[in-house]
Amino acid sequence: MTLAKAAGQFTETEIDDEVVVMSLTSGDFFSLTGTARAIWLALDGQHDRAGLITALAAEFEAEPDAIAPDVDDFLAQLSAAGLLSGA
């Protein structure tokens, strides 16, 4: 199943190396930098979980097994906030 941002559920803006996301449902703001920013930007509906982890591992020169738990945790947070579809 491909992962994507939940269309119509948020607004976002990029400021330098940060993406600020606001949930339209809750009004909560999320400041995404570093790997969180990279994950958010990669949620384009083209990757499933494994593909996302593989792409991020290549980008950050890390082992997929080493980053998978952190990616899973962040995806769970996005899902709980209603910002992720396909999870």
PDB file of N, CA and C in Angstrom:
ATOM      1  N   MET A   1       0.842  -1.169   0.000  1.00  0.00           N
ATOM      2  CA  MET A   1       0.000   0.000   0.000  1.00  0.00           C
ATOM      3  C   MET A   1       0.895   1.244   0.000  1.00  0.00           C
ATOM      4  N   THR A   2       0.647   2.145  -0.927  1.00  0.00           N
ATOM      5  CA  THR A   2       1.456   3.356  -0.980  1.00  0.00           C
ATOM      6  C   THR A   2       1.042   4.335   0.111  1.00  0.00           C
ATOM      7  N   LEU A   3       2.009   5.108   0.556  1.00  0.00           N
ATOM      8  CA  LEU A   3       1.790   6.091   1.615  1.00  0.00           C
ATOM      9  C   LEU A   3       1.775   7.485   1.018  1.00  0.00           C
ATOM     10  N   ALA A   4       0.862   8.311   1.495  1.00  0.00           N
ATOM     11  CA  ALA A   4       0.756   9.679   1.000  1.00  0.00           C
ATOM     12  C   ALA A   4       0.228  10.579   2.104  1.00  0.00           C
ATOM     13  N   LYS A   5       0.447  11.862   1.916  1.00  0.00           N
ATOM     14  CA  LYS A   5      -0.127  12.848   2.821  1.00  0.00           C
ATOM     15  C   LYS A   5      -1.646  12.817   2.644  1.00  0.00           C
ATOM     16  N   ALA A   6      -2.378  13.013   3.716  1.00  0.00           N
ATOM     17  CA  ALA A   6      -3.837  12.994   3.672  1.00  0.00           C
ATOM     18  C   ALA A   6      -4.345  14.301   3.063  1.00  0.00           C
ATOM     19  N   ALA A   7      -4.679  14.254   1.792  1.00  0.00           N
ATOM     20  CA  ALA A   7      -5.110  15.449   1.063  1.00  0.00           C
ATOM     21  C   ALA A   7      -6.284  16.121   1.757  1.00  0.00           C
ATOM     22  N   GLY A   8      -6.210  17.439   1.831  1.00  0.00           N
ATOM     23  CA  GLY A   8      -7.288  18.223   2.414  1.00  0.00           C
ATOM     24  C   GLY A   8      -7.314  18.266   3.929  1.00  0.00           C
ATOM     25  N   GLN A   9      -6.339  17.634   4.565  1.00  0.00           N
ATOM     26  CA  GLN A   9      -6.320  17.567   6.025  1.00  0.00           C
ATOM     27  C   GLN A   9      -5.271  18.474   6.653  1.00  0.00           C
ATOM     28  N   PHE A  10      -4.505  19.176   5.835  1.00  0.00           N
ATOM     29  CA  PHE A  10      -3.401  19.972   6.356  1.00  0.00           C
ATOM     30  C   PHE A  10      -3.086  21.121   5.416  1.00  0.00           C
ATOM     31  N   THR A  11      -2.316  22.034   5.932  1.00  0.00           N
ATOM     32  CA  THR A  11      -1.676  23.055   5.115  1.00  0.00           C
ATOM     33  C   THR A  11      -0.207  23.046   5.511  1.00  0.00           C
ATOM     34  N   GLU A  12       0.670  23.373   4.569  1.00  0.00           N
ATOM     35  CA  GLU A  12       2.095  23.327   4.872  1.00  0.00           C
ATOM     36  C   GLU A  12       2.815  24.482   4.214  1.00  0.00           C
ATOM     37  N   THR A  13       3.939  24.832   4.797  1.00  0.00           N
ATOM     38  CA  THR A  13       4.816  25.836   4.207  1.00  0.00           C
ATOM     39  C   THR A  13       6.254  25.471   4.532  1.00  0.00           C
ATOM     40  N   GLU A  14       7.152  25.750   3.601  1.00  0.00           N
ATOM     41  CA  GLU A  14       8.576  25.497   3.820  1.00  0.00           C
ATOM     42  C   GLU A  14       9.259  26.805   4.171  1.00  0.00           C
ATOM     43  N   ILE A  15      10.048  26.757   5.225  1.00  0.00           N
ATOM     44  CA  ILE A  15      10.847  27.891   5.673  1.00  0.00           C
ATOM     45  C   ILE A  15      12.271  27.386   5.850  1.00  0.00           C
ATOM     46  N   ASP A  16      13.155  27.784   4.954  1.00  0.00           N
ATOM     47  CA  ASP A  16      14.540  27.305   4.969  1.00  0.00           C
ATOM     48  C   ASP A  16      14.557  25.782   4.946  1.00  0.00           C
ATOM     49  N   ASP A  17      15.114  25.135   5.976  1.00  0.00           N
ATOM     50  CA  ASP A  17      15.203  23.670   6.029  1.00  0.00           C
ATOM     51  C   ASP A  17      14.123  23.062   6.907  1.00  0.00           C
ATOM     52  N   GLU A  18      13.011  23.746   7.055  1.00  0.00           N
ATOM     53  CA  GLU A  18      11.919  23.299   7.918  1.00  0.00           C
ATOM     54  C   GLU A  18      10.621  23.296   7.123  1.00  0.00           C
ATOM     55  N   VAL A  19       9.779  22.302   7.404  1.00  0.00           N
ATOM     56  CA  VAL A  19       8.422  22.296   6.875  1.00  0.00           C
ATOM     57  C   VAL A  19       7.501  22.443   8.077  1.00  0.00           C
ATOM     58  N   VAL A  20       6.629  23.442   8.023  1.00  0.00           N
ATOM     59  CA  VAL A  20       5.646  23.639   9.083  1.00  0.00           C
ATOM     60  C   VAL A  20       4.311  23.145   8.537  1.00  0.00           C
ATOM     61  N   VAL A  21       3.726  22.199   9.254  1.00  0.00           N
ATOM     62  CA  VAL A  21       2.469  21.592   8.842  1.00  0.00           C
ATOM     63  C   VAL A  21       1.423  21.917   9.898  1.00  0.00           C
ATOM     64  N   MET A  22       0.236  22.324   9.444  1.00  0.00           N
ATOM     65  CA  MET A  22      -0.868  22.560  10.369  1.00  0.00           C
ATOM     66  C   MET A  22      -2.008  21.615  10.011  1.00  0.00           C
ATOM     67  N   SER A  23      -2.473  20.889  10.999  1.00  0.00           N
ATOM     68  CA  SER A  23      -3.636  20.031  10.828  1.00  0.00           C
ATOM     69  C   SER A  23      -4.874  20.914  10.766  1.00  0.00           C
ATOM     70  N   LEU A  24      -5.661  20.771   9.710  1.00  0.00           N
ATOM     71  CA  LEU A  24      -6.882  21.560   9.582  1.00  0.00           C
ATOM     72  C   LEU A  24      -7.975  21.064  10.522  1.00  0.00           C
ATOM     73  N   THR A  25      -7.860  19.837  10.981  1.00  0.00           N
ATOM     74  CA  THR A  25      -8.841  19.274  11.896  1.00  0.00           C
ATOM     75  C   THR A  25      -8.626  19.756  13.319  1.00  0.00           C
ATOM     76  N   SER A  26      -7.380  19.656  13.793  1.00  0.00           N
ATOM     77  CA  SER A  26      -7.097  19.979  15.195  1.00  0.00           C
ATOM     78  C   SER A  26      -6.515  21.376  15.388  1.00  0.00           C
ATOM     79  N   GLY A  27      -5.921  21.936  14.335  1.00  0.00           N
ATOM     80  CA  GLY A  27      -5.232  23.213  14.461  1.00  0.00           C
ATOM     81  C   GLY A  27      -3.831  23.071  15.019  1.00  0.00           C
ATOM     82  N   ASP A  28      -3.394  21.835  15.259  1.00  0.00           N
ATOM     83  CA  ASP A  28      -2.045  21.593  15.770  1.00  0.00           C
ATOM     84  C   ASP A  28      -1.017  21.882  14.680  1.00  0.00           C
ATOM     85  N   PHE A  29       0.124  22.421  15.115  1.00  0.00           N
ATOM     86  CA  PHE A  29       1.243  22.693  14.217  1.00  0.00           C
ATOM     87  C   PHE A  29       2.344  21.669  14.456  1.00  0.00           C
ATOM     88  N   PHE A  30       3.037  21.311  13.389  1.00  0.00           N
ATOM     89  CA  PHE A  30       4.158  20.387  13.459  1.00  0.00           C
ATOM     90  C   PHE A  30       5.332  21.018  12.733  1.00  0.00           C
ATOM     91  N   SER A  31       6.469  21.101  13.397  1.00  0.00           N
ATOM     92  CA  SER A  31       7.689  21.628  12.811  1.00  0.00           C
ATOM     93  C   SER A  31       8.561  20.441  12.424  1.00  0.00           C
ATOM     94  N   LEU A  32       8.764  20.256  11.132  1.00  0.00           N
ATOM     95  CA  LEU A  32       9.491  19.094  10.636  1.00  0.00           C
ATOM     96  C   LEU A  32      10.845  19.516  10.083  1.00  0.00           C
ATOM     97  N   THR A  33      11.887  18.965  10.684  1.00  0.00           N
ATOM     98  CA  THR A  33      13.249  19.212  10.231  1.00  0.00           C
ATOM     99  C   THR A  33      13.967  17.874  10.107  1.00  0.00           C
ATOM    100  N   GLY A  34      15.118  17.891   9.490  1.00  0.00           N
ATOM    101  CA  GLY A  34      15.951  16.693   9.395  1.00  0.00           C
ATOM    102  C   GLY A  34      15.219  15.521   8.768  1.00  0.00           C
ATOM    103  N   THR A  35      15.280  14.375   9.439  1.00  0.00           N
ATOM    104  CA  THR A  35      14.669  13.171   8.871  1.00  0.00           C
ATOM    105  C   THR A  35      13.151  13.263   8.821  1.00  0.00           C
ATOM    106  N   ALA A  36      12.532  13.947   9.777  1.00  0.00           N
ATOM    107  CA  ALA A  36      11.071  14.115   9.734  1.00  0.00           C
ATOM    108  C   ALA A  36      10.677  14.869   8.468  1.00  0.00           C
ATOM    109  N   ARG A  37      11.427  15.891   8.125  1.00  0.00           N
ATOM    110  CA  ARG A  37      11.178  16.658   6.898  1.00  0.00           C
ATOM    111  C   ARG A  37      11.349  15.760   5.682  1.00  0.00           C
ATOM    112  N   ALA A  38      12.411  14.967   5.675  1.00  0.00           N
ATOM    113  CA  ALA A  38      12.673  14.075   4.538  1.00  0.00           C
ATOM    114  C   ALA A  38      11.549  13.056   4.368  1.00  0.00           C
ATOM    115  N   ILE A  39      11.060  12.502   5.468  1.00  0.00           N
ATOM    116  CA  ILE A  39       9.953  11.549   5.390  1.00  0.00           C
ATOM    117  C   ILE A  39       8.714  12.249   4.841  1.00  0.00           C
ATOM    118  N   TRP A  40       8.389  13.422   5.392  1.00  0.00           N
ATOM    119  CA  TRP A  40       7.202  14.164   4.948  1.00  0.00           C
ATOM    120  C   TRP A  40       7.266  14.445   3.443  1.00  0.00           C
ATOM    121  N   LEU A  41       8.412  14.903   2.974  1.00  0.00           N
ATOM    122  CA  LEU A  41       8.554  15.233   1.557  1.00  0.00           C
ATOM    123  C   LEU A  41       8.481  13.987   0.670  1.00  0.00           C
ATOM    124  N   ALA A  42       8.848  12.836   1.207  1.00  0.00           N
ATOM    125  CA  ALA A  42       8.825  11.591   0.439  1.00  0.00           C
ATOM    126  C   ALA A  42       7.429  10.966   0.383  1.00  0.00           C
ATOM    127  N   LEU A  43       6.502  11.470   1.163  1.00  0.00           N
ATOM    128  CA  LEU A  43       5.143  10.928   1.165  1.00  0.00           C
ATOM    129  C   LEU A  43       4.377  11.472  -0.043  1.00  0.00           C
ATOM    130  N   ASP A  44       4.704  10.902  -1.206  1.00  0.00           N
ATOM    131  CA  ASP A  44       4.156  11.398  -2.461  1.00  0.00           C
ATOM    132  C   ASP A  44       3.221  10.414  -3.142  1.00  0.00           C
ATOM    133  N   GLY A  45       2.860   9.351  -2.436  1.00  0.00           N
ATOM    134  CA  GLY A  45       1.985   8.342  -3.018  1.00  0.00           C
ATOM    135  C   GLY A  45       2.694   7.388  -3.952  1.00  0.00           C
ATOM    136  N   GLN A  46       4.014   7.469  -4.015  1.00  0.00           N
ATOM    137  CA  GLN A  46       4.803   6.609  -4.901  1.00  0.00           C
ATOM    138  C   GLN A  46       5.498   5.464  -4.171  1.00  0.00           C
ATOM    139  N   HIS A  47       5.571   5.549  -2.833  1.00  0.00           N
ATOM    140  CA  HIS A  47       6.306   4.548  -2.055  1.00  0.00           C
ATOM    141  C   HIS A  47       5.386   3.837  -1.074  1.00  0.00           C
ATOM    142  N   ASP A  48       5.631   2.558  -0.899  1.00  0.00           N
ATOM    143  CA  ASP A  48       5.048   1.871   0.240  1.00  0.00           C
ATOM    144  C   ASP A  48       6.048   1.992   1.385  1.00  0.00           C
ATOM    145  N   ARG A  49       5.766   1.386   2.516  1.00  0.00           N
ATOM    146  CA  ARG A  49       6.645   1.517   3.683  1.00  0.00           C
ATOM    147  C   ARG A  49       8.072   1.081   3.340  1.00  0.00           C
ATOM    148  N   ALA A  50       8.216  -0.082   2.724  1.00  0.00           N
ATOM    149  CA  ALA A  50       9.553  -0.598   2.410  1.00  0.00           C
ATOM    150  C   ALA A  50      10.288   0.326   1.435  1.00  0.00           C
ATOM    151  N   GLY A  51       9.595   0.813   0.425  1.00  0.00           N
ATOM    152  CA  GLY A  51      10.216   1.720  -0.534  1.00  0.00           C
ATOM    153  C   GLY A  51      10.634   3.030   0.099  1.00  0.00           C
ATOM    154  N   LEU A  52       9.807   3.515   1.018  1.00  0.00           N
ATOM    155  CA  LEU A  52      10.130   4.744   1.739  1.00  0.00           C
ATOM    156  C   LEU A  52      11.395   4.553   2.573  1.00  0.00           C
ATOM    157  N   ILE A  53      11.470   3.456   3.291  1.00  0.00           N
ATOM    158  CA  ILE A  53      12.640   3.175   4.134  1.00  0.00           C
ATOM    159  C   ILE A  53      13.887   3.008   3.268  1.00  0.00           C
ATOM    160  N   THR A  54      13.765   2.317   2.146  1.00  0.00           N
ATOM    161  CA  THR A  54      14.909   2.132   1.249  1.00  0.00           C
ATOM    162  C   THR A  54      15.407   3.477   0.716  1.00  0.00           C
ATOM    163  N   ALA A  55      14.478   4.340   0.293  1.00  0.00           N
ATOM    164  CA  ALA A  55      14.861   5.656  -0.238  1.00  0.00           C
ATOM    165  C   ALA A  55      15.529   6.512   0.837  1.00  0.00           C
ATOM    166  N   LEU A  56      14.993   6.494   2.041  1.00  0.00           N
ATOM    167  CA  LEU A  56      15.570   7.287   3.128  1.00  0.00           C
ATOM    168  C   LEU A  56      16.934   6.737   3.551  1.00  0.00           C
ATOM    169  N   ALA A  57      17.064   5.418   3.575  1.00  0.00           N
ATOM    170  CA  ALA A  57      18.350   4.811   3.919  1.00  0.00           C
ATOM    171  C   ALA A  57      19.425   5.234   2.926  1.00  0.00           C
ATOM    172  N   ALA A  58      19.075   5.266   1.653  1.00  0.00           N
ATOM    173  CA  ALA A  58      20.036   5.706   0.636  1.00  0.00           C
ATOM    174  C   ALA A  58      20.364   7.186   0.808  1.00  0.00           C
ATOM    175  N   GLU A  59      19.343   8.013   1.073  1.00  0.00           N
ATOM    176  CA  GLU A  59      19.564   9.452   1.231  1.00  0.00           C
ATOM    177  C   GLU A  59      20.472   9.764   2.413  1.00  0.00           C
ATOM    178  N   PHE A  60      20.284   9.032   3.516  1.00  0.00           N
ATOM    179  CA  PHE A  60      21.037   9.311   4.738  1.00  0.00           C
ATOM    180  C   PHE A  60      22.202   8.344   4.958  1.00  0.00           C
ATOM    181  N   GLU A  61      22.477   7.511   3.955  1.00  0.00           N
ATOM    182  CA  GLU A  61      23.574   6.543   4.032  1.00  0.00           C
ATOM    183  C   GLU A  61      23.502   5.736   5.326  1.00  0.00           C
ATOM    184  N   ALA A  62      22.346   5.129   5.535  1.00  0.00           N
ATOM    185  CA  ALA A  62      22.097   4.335   6.746  1.00  0.00           C
ATOM    186  C   ALA A  62      21.555   2.968   6.340  1.00  0.00           C
ATOM    187  N   GLU A  63      21.626   2.049   7.258  1.00  0.00           N
ATOM    188  CA  GLU A  63      21.060   0.720   7.024  1.00  0.00           C
ATOM    189  C   GLU A  63      19.549   0.785   7.199  1.00  0.00           C
ATOM    190  N   PRO A  64      18.790   0.195   6.274  1.00  0.00           N
ATOM    191  CA  PRO A  64      17.331   0.214   6.395  1.00  0.00           C
ATOM    192  C   PRO A  64      16.819  -0.298   7.749  1.00  0.00           C
ATOM    193  N   ASP A  65      17.421  -1.376   8.250  1.00  0.00           N
ATOM    194  CA  ASP A  65      16.982  -1.918   9.540  1.00  0.00           C
ATOM    195  C   ASP A  65      17.236  -0.954  10.693  1.00  0.00           C
ATOM    196  N   ALA A  66      18.229  -0.100  10.550  1.00  0.00           N
ATOM    197  CA  ALA A  66      18.557   0.851  11.614  1.00  0.00           C
ATOM    198  C   ALA A  66      17.563   2.004  11.661  1.00  0.00           C
ATOM    199  N   ILE A  67      17.030   2.402  10.504  1.00  0.00           N
ATOM    200  CA  ILE A  67      16.123   3.552  10.499  1.00  0.00           C
ATOM    201  C   ILE A  67      14.645   3.161  10.537  1.00  0.00           C
ATOM    202  N   ALA A  68      14.344   1.906  10.239  1.00  0.00           N
ATOM    203  CA  ALA A  68      12.942   1.468  10.165  1.00  0.00           C
ATOM    204  C   ALA A  68      12.137   1.792  11.421  1.00  0.00           C
ATOM    205  N   PRO A  69      12.652   1.544  12.636  1.00  0.00           N
ATOM    206  CA  PRO A  69      11.842   1.855  13.823  1.00  0.00           C
ATOM    207  C   PRO A  69      11.494   3.335  13.943  1.00  0.00           C
ATOM    208  N   ASP A  70      12.443   4.211  13.613  1.00  0.00           N
ATOM    209  CA  ASP A  70      12.174   5.649  13.688  1.00  0.00           C
ATOM    210  C   ASP A  70      11.169   6.072  12.616  1.00  0.00           C
ATOM    211  N   VAL A  71      11.287   5.516  11.420  1.00  0.00           N
ATOM    212  CA  VAL A  71      10.332   5.821  10.359  1.00  0.00           C
ATOM    213  C   VAL A  71       8.938   5.352  10.776  1.00  0.00           C
ATOM    214  N   ASP A  72       8.857   4.142  11.310  1.00  0.00           N
ATOM    215  CA  ASP A  72       7.568   3.611  11.754  1.00  0.00           C
ATOM    216  C   ASP A  72       6.945   4.475  12.838  1.00  0.00           C
ATOM    217  N   ASP A  73       7.762   4.927  13.789  1.00  0.00           N
ATOM    218  CA  ASP A  73       7.248   5.797  14.853  1.00  0.00           C
ATOM    219  C   ASP A  73       6.695   7.100  14.286  1.00  0.00           C
ATOM    220  N   PHE A  74       7.416   7.704  13.350  1.00  0.00           N
ATOM    221  CA  PHE A  74       6.967   8.967  12.774  1.00  0.00           C
ATOM    222  C   PHE A  74       5.708   8.763  11.945  1.00  0.00           C
ATOM    223  N   LEU A  75       5.654   7.684  11.169  1.00  0.00           N
ATOM    224  CA  LEU A  75       4.447   7.391  10.385  1.00  0.00           C
ATOM    225  C   LEU A  75       3.247   7.183  11.301  1.00  0.00           C
ATOM    226  N   ALA A  76       3.464   6.530  12.443  1.00  0.00           N
ATOM    227  CA  ALA A  76       2.370   6.328  13.406  1.00  0.00           C
ATOM    228  C   ALA A  76       1.889   7.667  13.962  1.00  0.00           C
ATOM    229  N   GLN A  77       2.815   8.588  14.221  1.00  0.00           N
ATOM    230  CA  GLN A  77       2.433   9.918  14.708  1.00  0.00           C
ATOM    231  C   GLN A  77       1.629  10.670  13.648  1.00  0.00           C
ATOM    232  N   LEU A  78       2.068  10.598  12.402  1.00  0.00           N
ATOM    233  CA  LEU A  78       1.331  11.254  11.322  1.00  0.00           C
ATOM    234  C   LEU A  78      -0.056  10.659  11.170  1.00  0.00           C
ATOM    235  N   SER A  79      -0.134   9.350  11.253  1.00  0.00           N
ATOM    236  CA  SER A  79      -1.419   8.678  11.142  1.00  0.00           C
ATOM    237  C   SER A  79      -2.356   9.081  12.279  1.00  0.00           C
ATOM    238  N   ALA A  80      -1.835   9.107  13.495  1.00  0.00           N
ATOM    239  CA  ALA A  80      -2.645   9.488  14.653  1.00  0.00           C
ATOM    240  C   ALA A  80      -3.140  10.927  14.544  1.00  0.00           C
ATOM    241  N   ALA A  81      -2.356  11.777  13.896  1.00  0.00           N
ATOM    242  CA  ALA A  81      -2.748  13.176  13.702  1.00  0.00           C
ATOM    243  C   ALA A  81      -3.667  13.368  12.501  1.00  0.00           C
ATOM    244  N   GLY A  82      -3.958  12.286  11.773  1.00  0.00           N
ATOM    245  CA  GLY A  82      -4.836  12.366  10.608  1.00  0.00           C
ATOM    246  C   GLY A  82      -4.164  12.954   9.382  1.00  0.00           C
ATOM    247  N   LEU A  83      -2.831  12.898   9.344  1.00  0.00           N
ATOM    248  CA  LEU A  83      -2.085  13.516   8.245  1.00  0.00           C
ATOM    249  C   LEU A  83      -1.557  12.510   7.231  1.00  0.00           C
ATOM    250  N   LEU A  84      -1.869  11.224   7.403  1.00  0.00           N
ATOM    251  CA  LEU A  84      -1.316  10.188   6.546  1.00  0.00           C
ATOM    252  C   LEU A  84      -2.441   9.342   5.980  1.00  0.00           C
ATOM    253  N   SER A  85      -2.391   9.088   4.682  1.00  0.00           N
ATOM    254  CA  SER A  85      -3.327   8.148   4.085  1.00  0.00           C
ATOM    255  C   SER A  85      -2.540   6.949   3.597  1.00  0.00           C
ATOM    256  N   GLY A  86      -3.183   5.823   3.587  1.00  0.00           N
ATOM    257  CA  GLY A  86      -2.527   4.598   3.130  1.00  0.00           C
ATOM    258  C   GLY A  86      -1.887   3.807   4.245  1.00  0.00           C
ATOM    259  N   ALA A  87      -1.938   4.325   5.475  1.00  0.00           N
ATOM    260  CA  ALA A  87      -1.300   3.611   6.593  1.00  0.00           C
ATOM    261  C   ALA A  87      -2.254   2.599   7.196  1.00  0.00           C
TER     262      ALA A  87
END
